[in-house]
Amino acid sequence: MRRLLLIGSLVALVFPVQALAHATLEKSSPGFQQRVPSSPRTVTLLFDQYVKAVPGSVRVYSSSGSIRVANVRSDGRRLTAVLPRLRKGPYTIRWHALSGDGHVVFGVFTFGVRVPAPAPTEAFGASGPTRSENVVRWLYFLSLALLVGGLGFRLIVLRERLTPLAARRFFAVTGIGAAATLNVGIAAFLLRAEDALQLPFGRLLYGDLTPIARTRFGTAFIAMTLGFALVTAFLFLAWLTDQDVLLWPAFVLGLAFASGLSLSGHSAADAGSSWKSELADWAHLSAACLWIGGLVQLAAVVWPLMPELRRAAFLGFSRLATACVGVLLLAGVYLSILRLPHLNDLWTTGYGHVLLVKIGLVTLALGWGGLHKLVAVPAVARGDGGVLVRLRGSLVGESMVAIAVLLAAAVLVDAKPPARPVPSPPAASSVKN
């Protein structure tokens, strides 16, 4: 069976899927997110094949609404529209044209007249993160925990050889995490593209995703998708060959590529961000993944399938969890201070409200874990078998609370922190002669 899967994977690589032949925008003037010194006279779109203008092919928007354009015409591979004089400010261009294959293709990009252009994901008409994106982000965090946290638990805590049934369960849980990381990541990108392009989900096939791919979010998505595909390959090979040593590159690469979230989020883009905030955010995420993924492995693999290793695994995980909790607290306090300029932002802003919910859930989870540390760990160390038998339900409960923490974190990631106060210029002083 494993040999057939390996052969099938190689065949899939040898015969790539044929590319679609829709018209693609090659160049525009103004360019993507270009800052121009003065109002451009025209918008010019150059495609890689023949296109035909349709009603409303080129639409221009300022921050206050639509701007009327004139003389939209097609000239083979080129679309041109005449612009009125534009004031200083950011602008969004939404275009659509009839491609040579008979399909209407769509796109969006931004530019700025004497100001920096916003990202396409912040184009006029885009609503920003939605509840669907919050759920997808939560599923992505959970997938990372199953994958990276599961690998970390296996390599750091549970070093003994697994029984065949336990090994199958381990690879099933981490494999679900790997597959979900790839697919949920793609769903997150498509949802963001759907919002930026203002297209129904079913018509994204005809949308130009290049501007979204060029953003910080898009670059991180591409790198993480390729990276976690490599992680999945190492995990797959470890299962096929029964070589646990291949789990190490999967684990290290998984931790490394998880940094894409930190390099494309608030810790990298907001005012006051630096390499320190990016590092703290990555450490916060990594610690949470190791903690939650380890809890799932304890409850799903060790407890039901390897009772002889319950004591050693629980004590080893307790040491790992203590280190993870310390990192979580230190990094979380630092990021909270960085993102909330004032203490009253906790109860006066939407971001602060979500953070308070997260703090409450984290406190509950830490209290639960602390109870394990103070009560269960000494009992297990003494060899109290009765505690081991009753402990699985408590581990499942702690896992559920930790998963709820991930949901709050997902909402927090897509929320906008309160703006930092702008320092007022010093008052001018007069000098008497």
Protein backbone atom coordinates (compact mmCIF):
# COMPACT_ATOMS: atom_id res chain seq x y z
CA MET A 1 0.00 0.00 0.00
CA ARG A 2 2.73 2.47 0.95
CA ARG A 3 4.70 1.60 -2.22
CA LEU A 4 1.62 2.30 -4.37
CA LEU A 5 1.14 5.69 -2.68
CA LEU A 6 4.78 6.59 -3.34
CA ILE A 7 4.45 5.62 -7.03
CA GLY A 8 1.22 7.63 -7.31
CA SER A 9 2.90 10.70 -5.83
CA LEU A 10 5.76 10.48 -8.34
CA VAL A 11 3.31 10.13 -11.24
CA ALA A 12 1.45 13.24 -10.08
CA LEU A 13 4.71 15.19 -10.16
CA VAL A 14 5.63 13.92 -13.65
CA PHE A 15 2.31 14.95 -15.26
CA PRO A 16 1.50 18.55 -14.25
CA VAL A 17 -1.94 20.06 -14.66
CA GLN A 18 -2.50 22.13 -17.81
CA ALA A 19 -2.63 25.88 -17.17
CA LEU A 20 -5.74 27.94 -17.89
CA ALA A 21 -5.61 30.39 -20.78
CA HIS A 22 -7.48 33.48 -19.54
CA ALA A 23 -6.11 36.92 -20.34
CA THR A 24 -3.62 38.13 -17.75
CA LEU A 25 -2.76 41.72 -16.92
CA GLU A 26 0.95 42.18 -17.61
CA LYS A 27 1.47 45.89 -16.94
CA SER A 28 -0.50 48.91 -15.84
CA SER A 29 -0.03 52.65 -15.67
CA PRO A 30 -0.21 53.79 -12.91
CA GLY A 31 1.50 50.69 -11.55
CA PHE A 32 0.47 48.46 -8.65
CA GLN A 33 0.64 50.49 -5.43
CA GLN A 34 2.63 53.19 -7.22
CA ARG A 35 2.96 56.63 -5.69
CA VAL A 36 2.75 59.17 -8.50
CA PRO A 37 3.85 62.82 -8.16
CA SER A 38 0.84 64.23 -10.02
CA SER A 39 -2.55 63.22 -11.36
CA PRO A 40 -2.19 60.76 -14.27
CA ARG A 41 -4.10 61.61 -17.43
CA THR A 42 -5.07 58.03 -18.30
CA VAL A 43 -5.25 54.52 -16.95
CA THR A 44 -3.60 51.99 -19.25
CA LEU A 45 -3.88 48.21 -18.85
CA LEU A 46 -1.72 45.90 -20.99
CA PHE A 47 -2.71 42.21 -21.25
CA ASP A 48 -0.93 39.14 -22.60
CA GLN A 49 -3.65 38.51 -25.19
CA TYR A 50 -6.56 40.19 -26.94
CA VAL A 51 -9.24 41.69 -24.68
CA LYS A 52 -12.45 43.59 -25.39
CA ALA A 53 -13.87 46.42 -23.35
CA VAL A 54 -17.30 45.89 -21.77
CA PRO A 55 -19.52 48.42 -19.96
CA GLY A 56 -17.72 49.68 -16.87
CA SER A 57 -14.43 48.02 -17.84
CA VAL A 58 -12.40 50.56 -15.83
CA ARG A 59 -13.75 52.06 -12.61
CA VAL A 60 -11.82 54.44 -10.38
CA TYR A 61 -12.59 55.15 -6.72
CA SER A 62 -11.28 57.65 -4.23
CA SER A 63 -11.74 57.34 -0.49
CA SER A 64 -15.08 59.16 -0.87
CA GLY A 65 -16.56 57.15 -3.75
CA SER A 66 -16.63 56.58 -7.49
CA ILE A 67 -14.87 58.88 -9.97
CA ARG A 68 -16.19 59.15 -13.49
CA VAL A 69 -13.82 58.08 -16.28
CA ALA A 70 -14.25 58.73 -20.01
CA ASN A 71 -13.40 57.13 -23.36
CA VAL A 72 -12.77 53.58 -22.16
CA ARG A 73 -11.54 51.75 -25.24
CA SER A 74 -9.71 48.56 -26.19
CA ASP A 75 -6.87 48.36 -28.69
CA GLY A 76 -5.96 44.71 -29.10
CA ARG A 77 -4.17 43.84 -25.87
CA ARG A 78 -4.61 47.28 -24.33
CA LEU A 79 -7.40 48.97 -22.36
CA THR A 80 -7.26 52.76 -21.91
CA ALA A 81 -9.46 55.15 -19.94
CA VAL A 82 -9.20 58.95 -19.61
CA LEU A 83 -9.10 60.31 -16.06
CA PRO A 84 -10.25 63.64 -14.71
CA ARG A 85 -7.79 65.61 -12.59
CA LEU A 86 -7.27 63.71 -9.35
CA ARG A 87 -6.61 65.30 -6.00
CA LYS A 88 -3.98 64.20 -3.54
CA GLY A 89 -4.97 60.88 -1.97
CA PRO A 90 -5.25 57.09 -2.41
CA TYR A 91 -7.16 55.57 -5.35
CA THR A 92 -8.53 52.17 -6.30
CA ILE A 93 -8.92 50.87 -9.85
CA ARG A 94 -11.31 47.98 -10.48
CA TRP A 95 -11.29 46.56 -14.00
CA HIS A 96 -12.93 43.77 -15.97
CA ALA A 97 -12.64 42.81 -19.63
CA LEU A 98 -13.76 40.11 -22.07
CA SER A 99 -10.90 37.66 -22.58
CA GLY A 100 -10.16 35.93 -25.88
CA ASP A 101 -11.46 32.63 -24.47
CA GLY A 102 -14.90 34.18 -23.93
CA HIS A 103 -14.65 34.67 -20.15
CA VAL A 104 -14.79 37.98 -18.34
CA VAL A 105 -11.65 38.51 -16.25
CA PHE A 106 -11.46 40.83 -13.24
CA GLY A 107 -8.83 42.65 -11.21
CA VAL A 108 -8.07 45.42 -8.73
CA PHE A 109 -5.06 47.51 -7.80
CA THR A 110 -4.32 50.75 -5.99
CA PHE A 111 -2.14 53.81 -6.46
CA GLY A 112 -1.59 57.08 -4.64
CA VAL A 113 -1.31 60.66 -5.83
CA ARG A 114 1.43 62.21 -3.67
CA VAL A 115 0.60 59.70 -0.88
CA PRO A 116 1.47 56.02 -0.30
CA ALA A 117 -0.99 53.63 -1.92
CA PRO A 118 -2.96 51.23 0.30
CA ALA A 119 -2.60 47.48 -0.12
CA PRO A 120 -5.12 45.90 -2.54
CA THR A 121 -6.66 44.10 0.44
CA GLU A 122 -7.55 47.58 1.76
CA ALA A 123 -8.91 48.83 -1.58
CA PHE A 124 -12.12 50.88 -1.74
CA GLY A 125 -15.09 48.56 -1.30
CA ALA A 126 -13.19 45.86 0.60
CA SER A 127 -14.88 45.20 3.92
CA GLY A 128 -11.83 43.82 5.71
CA PRO A 129 -11.72 40.63 7.80
CA THR A 130 -15.10 38.87 8.14
CA ARG A 131 -16.49 36.26 10.52
CA SER A 132 -15.68 33.61 7.92
CA GLU A 133 -12.05 34.73 7.93
CA ASN A 134 -11.99 34.58 11.73
CA VAL A 135 -13.19 30.97 11.63
CA VAL A 136 -10.67 30.08 8.93
CA ARG A 137 -7.86 31.72 10.90
CA TRP A 138 -8.90 29.72 13.98
CA LEU A 139 -8.87 26.49 11.97
CA TYR A 140 -5.41 27.44 10.68
CA PHE A 141 -4.09 27.93 14.22
CA LEU A 142 -5.63 24.60 15.26
CA SER A 143 -4.07 22.87 12.23
CA LEU A 144 -0.65 24.27 13.13
CA ALA A 145 -1.07 23.00 16.70
CA LEU A 146 -1.95 19.50 15.51
CA LEU A 147 1.00 19.44 13.10
CA VAL A 148 3.83 21.36 14.77
CA GLY A 149 2.75 20.65 18.35
CA GLY A 150 2.24 16.96 17.58
CA LEU A 151 5.71 16.69 16.03
CA GLY A 152 7.26 18.55 18.97
CA PHE A 153 5.56 16.23 21.48
CA ARG A 154 6.77 13.13 19.60
CA LEU A 155 10.37 14.34 19.35
CA ILE A 156 10.81 16.12 22.68
CA VAL A 157 8.56 14.21 25.07
CA LEU A 158 7.62 10.81 23.64
CA ARG A 159 10.95 9.54 22.35
CA GLU A 160 10.21 5.84 22.83
CA ARG A 161 9.31 3.59 19.93
CA LEU A 162 5.56 3.67 19.33
CA THR A 163 3.41 0.61 19.00
CA PRO A 164 2.00 0.09 15.46
CA LEU A 165 -1.48 1.24 16.52
CA ALA A 166 -0.11 4.30 18.38
CA ALA A 167 2.11 5.16 15.39
CA ARG A 168 -0.91 5.06 13.06
CA ARG A 169 -2.84 7.33 15.43
CA PHE A 170 0.10 9.76 15.68
CA PHE A 171 0.49 10.00 11.91
CA ALA A 172 -3.29 10.33 11.50
CA VAL A 173 -3.47 13.31 13.88
CA THR A 174 -0.39 15.09 12.48
CA GLY A 175 -1.43 14.21 8.91
CA ILE A 176 -4.82 15.84 9.48
CA GLY A 177 -2.96 18.90 10.77
CA ALA A 178 -0.69 18.96 7.71
CA ALA A 179 -3.53 18.60 5.19
CA ALA A 180 -5.63 21.18 7.01
CA THR A 181 -2.73 23.65 7.19
CA LEU A 182 -2.38 23.57 3.40
CA ASN A 183 -6.08 23.64 2.54
CA VAL A 184 -7.19 26.09 5.22
CA GLY A 185 -4.31 28.39 4.21
CA ILE A 186 -5.55 28.37 0.63
CA ALA A 187 -9.09 29.09 1.82
CA ALA A 188 -7.80 32.07 3.86
CA PHE A 189 -6.05 33.50 0.81
CA LEU A 190 -9.12 33.05 -1.40
CA LEU A 191 -11.41 34.70 1.16
CA ARG A 192 -9.08 37.70 1.35
CA ALA A 193 -8.92 37.82 -2.47
CA GLU A 194 -12.73 37.54 -2.70
CA ASP A 195 -13.08 40.57 -0.43
CA ALA A 196 -10.42 42.62 -2.26
CA LEU A 197 -11.77 41.83 -5.75
CA GLN A 198 -15.41 42.10 -4.61
CA LEU A 199 -16.25 38.94 -6.55
CA PRO A 200 -18.49 36.01 -5.63
CA PHE A 201 -16.39 33.06 -4.47
CA GLY A 202 -17.36 31.02 -7.56
CA ARG A 203 -15.96 33.65 -9.97
CA LEU A 204 -12.51 33.95 -8.41
CA LEU A 205 -11.26 31.62 -11.15
CA TYR A 206 -11.45 34.63 -13.48
CA GLY A 207 -9.93 37.12 -11.04
CA ASP A 208 -6.40 38.49 -11.23
CA LEU A 209 -4.87 37.50 -7.88
CA THR A 210 -1.44 39.00 -8.64
CA PRO A 211 -1.94 42.24 -6.65
CA ILE A 212 -3.04 40.28 -3.57
CA ALA A 213 -0.09 37.91 -3.97
CA ARG A 214 2.28 40.91 -3.97
CA THR A 215 1.12 42.13 -0.56
CA ARG A 216 2.84 41.19 2.70
CA PHE A 217 -0.05 38.80 3.39
CA GLY A 218 0.20 37.25 -0.08
CA THR A 219 3.97 36.78 0.08
CA ALA A 220 3.64 35.07 3.47
CA PHE A 221 0.85 32.85 2.11
CA ILE A 222 2.95 31.67 -0.84
CA ALA A 223 6.04 31.01 1.32
CA MET A 224 4.02 29.18 3.99
CA THR A 225 2.11 27.08 1.47
CA LEU A 226 5.32 25.93 -0.21
CA GLY A 227 7.01 25.46 3.16
CA PHE A 228 4.24 23.38 4.68
CA ALA A 229 4.03 21.31 1.50
CA LEU A 230 7.67 20.40 2.20
CA VAL A 231 6.82 19.68 5.85
CA THR A 232 4.00 17.41 4.68
CA ALA A 233 6.40 15.63 2.34
CA PHE A 234 8.81 14.86 5.20
CA LEU A 235 5.92 13.65 7.36
CA PHE A 236 4.66 11.46 4.50
CA LEU A 237 8.12 9.99 3.91
CA ALA A 238 8.55 9.30 7.64
CA TRP A 239 5.30 7.32 7.54
CA LEU A 240 6.18 5.50 4.29
CA THR A 241 9.70 4.53 5.33
CA ASP A 242 9.07 4.15 9.08
CA GLN A 243 12.06 6.45 9.71
CA ASP A 244 11.33 8.75 12.65
CA VAL A 245 14.51 10.74 11.96
CA LEU A 246 12.61 12.43 9.08
CA LEU A 247 10.29 14.00 11.64
CA TRP A 248 13.07 16.36 12.75
CA PRO A 249 13.29 18.36 9.48
CA ALA A 250 9.48 18.43 9.40
CA PHE A 251 9.37 19.89 12.92
CA VAL A 252 12.14 22.46 12.39
CA LEU A 253 10.69 23.61 9.06
CA GLY A 254 7.20 23.77 10.57
CA LEU A 255 8.40 26.08 13.34
CA ALA A 256 10.33 28.20 10.83
CA PHE A 257 7.48 28.65 8.35
CA ALA A 258 4.99 29.41 11.12
CA SER A 259 6.88 32.71 11.39
CA GLY A 260 5.10 33.80 8.20
CA LEU A 261 2.08 34.72 10.33
CA SER A 262 4.25 36.94 12.53
CA LEU A 263 6.00 38.54 9.55
CA SER A 264 2.72 39.52 7.88
CA GLY A 265 0.51 40.51 10.84
CA HIS A 266 0.23 43.36 13.33
CA SER A 267 3.66 42.63 14.79
CA ALA A 268 5.28 43.44 11.45
CA ALA A 269 3.02 46.07 9.89
CA ASP A 270 1.65 48.30 12.66
CA ALA A 271 3.27 51.38 14.12
CA GLY A 272 5.94 50.51 16.68
CA SER A 273 6.59 47.07 15.19
CA SER A 274 10.15 45.79 14.95
CA TRP A 275 12.11 42.56 14.83
CA LYS A 276 11.47 42.24 18.57
CA SER A 277 7.69 42.30 18.12
CA GLU A 278 7.95 39.80 15.24
CA LEU A 279 10.11 37.48 17.35
CA ALA A 280 7.76 37.78 20.34
CA ASP A 281 4.73 37.01 18.16
CA TRP A 282 6.44 33.94 16.65
CA ALA A 283 7.51 32.71 20.09
CA HIS A 284 3.94 33.23 21.37
CA LEU A 285 2.47 31.21 18.49
CA SER A 286 5.09 28.45 18.68
CA ALA A 287 4.62 28.00 22.42
CA ALA A 288 0.85 27.79 22.00
CA CYS A 289 1.21 25.17 19.23
CA LEU A 290 3.54 23.00 21.33
CA TRP A 291 1.28 23.24 24.36
CA ILE A 292 -2.02 22.52 22.59
CA GLY A 293 -0.60 19.95 20.18
CA GLY A 294 1.01 18.11 23.09
CA LEU A 295 -2.28 18.02 25.00
CA VAL A 296 -4.03 16.49 21.99
CA GLN A 297 -1.32 13.84 21.59
CA LEU A 298 -1.52 12.96 25.28
CA ALA A 299 -5.31 12.58 25.17
CA ALA A 300 -5.61 10.94 21.72
CA VAL A 301 -2.50 8.76 21.43
CA VAL A 302 -0.75 8.05 24.72
CA TRP A 303 -3.69 7.63 27.13
CA PRO A 304 -5.85 5.22 25.10
CA LEU A 305 -3.12 3.29 23.26
CA MET A 306 0.07 3.29 25.38
CA PRO A 307 -0.92 3.01 29.07
CA GLU A 308 2.58 1.86 30.02
CA LEU A 309 3.98 5.25 28.94
CA ARG A 310 1.34 7.47 30.55
CA ARG A 311 3.46 8.33 33.58
CA ALA A 312 6.65 9.18 31.67
CA ALA A 313 4.77 11.08 28.95
CA PHE A 314 2.72 13.11 31.41
CA LEU A 315 5.77 14.10 33.49
CA GLY A 316 7.77 14.97 30.37
CA PHE A 317 4.93 17.03 28.94
CA SER A 318 4.53 18.84 32.26
CA ARG A 319 8.10 20.11 31.95
CA LEU A 320 7.56 21.18 28.31
CA ALA A 321 4.23 22.84 29.15
CA THR A 322 5.82 24.84 31.97
CA ALA A 323 8.38 26.29 29.55
CA CYS A 324 5.66 26.99 26.95
CA VAL A 325 3.48 28.77 29.49
CA GLY A 326 6.41 30.96 30.54
CA VAL A 327 7.06 31.97 26.93
CA LEU A 328 3.32 32.56 26.35
CA LEU A 329 3.06 34.89 29.32
CA LEU A 330 6.22 36.89 28.63
CA ALA A 331 5.54 37.32 24.91
CA GLY A 332 1.84 38.02 25.48
CA VAL A 333 2.46 40.74 28.07
CA TYR A 334 5.05 42.40 25.83
CA LEU A 335 2.75 42.39 22.77
CA SER A 336 -0.22 43.66 24.79
CA ILE A 337 1.80 46.61 26.10
CA LEU A 338 3.05 47.31 22.58
CA ARG A 339 -0.40 47.26 20.96
CA LEU A 340 -2.40 49.05 23.66
CA PRO A 341 -1.08 52.60 24.19
CA HIS A 342 -3.20 53.09 27.34
CA LEU A 343 -4.47 50.73 30.02
CA ASN A 344 -8.09 51.88 29.56
CA ASP A 345 -7.89 50.65 25.93
CA LEU A 346 -8.62 47.24 27.44
CA TRP A 347 -12.22 48.21 28.21
CA THR A 348 -12.82 51.10 25.81
CA THR A 349 -11.82 49.53 22.45
CA GLY A 350 -13.02 46.52 20.50
CA TYR A 351 -9.48 45.15 20.35
CA GLY A 352 -9.23 45.44 24.12
CA HIS A 353 -12.55 43.62 24.61
CA VAL A 354 -11.35 40.63 22.56
CA LEU A 355 -8.04 40.70 24.42
CA LEU A 356 -9.90 40.59 27.75
CA VAL A 357 -11.81 37.50 26.58
CA LYS A 358 -8.54 35.89 25.54
CA ILE A 359 -6.92 36.78 28.88
CA GLY A 360 -9.87 35.20 30.71
CA LEU A 361 -9.60 31.98 28.70
CA VAL A 362 -5.82 31.87 29.12
CA THR A 363 -6.24 32.36 32.87
CA LEU A 364 -8.69 29.44 32.98
CA ALA A 365 -6.34 27.24 30.94
CA LEU A 366 -3.34 28.19 33.07
CA GLY A 367 -5.32 27.51 36.24
CA TRP A 368 -6.26 24.10 34.88
CA GLY A 369 -2.66 23.38 33.96
CA GLY A 370 -1.48 24.69 37.33
CA LEU A 371 -3.81 22.26 39.06
CA HIS A 372 -2.23 19.44 37.07
CA LYS A 373 1.22 20.73 38.03
CA LEU A 374 0.50 21.06 41.75
CA VAL A 375 -1.77 18.05 42.29
CA ALA A 376 -1.52 15.55 39.44
CA VAL A 377 2.23 15.68 38.77
CA PRO A 378 3.28 14.85 42.38
CA ALA A 379 0.68 12.04 42.51
CA VAL A 380 1.86 10.60 39.18
CA ALA A 381 5.50 10.89 40.27
CA ARG A 382 4.62 8.82 43.37
CA GLY A 383 3.12 6.15 41.12
CA ASP A 384 -0.55 6.76 42.00
CA GLY A 385 -2.29 4.72 39.30
CA GLY A 386 -5.74 6.02 40.23
CA VAL A 387 -4.80 9.56 39.19
CA LEU A 388 -3.53 8.31 35.82
CA VAL A 389 -6.83 6.59 35.12
CA ARG A 390 -8.88 9.73 35.86
CA LEU A 391 -6.50 12.19 34.19
CA ARG A 392 -7.55 11.75 30.56
CA GLY A 393 -10.86 13.58 30.99
CA SER A 394 -9.06 16.49 32.62
CA LEU A 395 -6.55 16.65 29.75
CA VAL A 396 -9.41 16.71 27.22
CA GLY A 397 -11.03 19.56 29.17
CA GLU A 398 -7.81 21.57 29.21
CA SER A 399 -7.44 20.94 25.46
CA MET A 400 -10.93 22.32 24.81
CA VAL A 401 -10.18 25.49 26.77
CA ALA A 402 -6.87 25.88 24.90
CA ILE A 403 -8.70 25.51 21.57
CA ALA A 404 -11.08 28.27 22.68
CA VAL A 405 -7.99 30.42 23.35
CA LEU A 406 -7.00 29.87 19.71
CA LEU A 407 -10.44 31.12 18.61
CA ALA A 408 -9.98 34.33 20.61
CA ALA A 409 -6.48 34.69 19.15
CA ALA A 410 -7.87 34.30 15.62
CA VAL A 411 -10.36 37.13 16.18
CA LEU A 412 -7.62 39.23 17.78
CA VAL A 413 -5.27 38.78 14.81
CA ASP A 414 -7.87 40.19 12.41
CA ALA A 415 -8.90 43.02 14.77
CA LYS A 416 -7.29 46.43 14.45
CA PRO A 417 -5.36 47.64 17.51
CA PRO A 418 -6.14 51.20 18.68
CA ALA A 419 -4.10 53.89 16.97
CA ARG A 420 -1.09 55.15 18.84
CA PRO A 421 -1.39 58.82 19.85
CA VAL A 422 0.45 61.24 17.60
CA PRO A 423 2.82 63.43 19.65
CA SER A 424 1.98 67.08 19.34
CA PRO A 425 4.74 69.33 17.97
CA PRO A 426 6.62 71.37 20.56
CA ALA A 427 5.33 74.89 21.02
CA ALA A 428 7.41 77.53 19.31
CA SER A 429 9.27 79.80 21.71
CA SER A 430 10.06 83.43 21.01
CA VAL A 431 13.57 84.75 21.47
CA LYS A 432 14.01 88.28 22.65
CA ASN A 433 17.02 90.27 21.51
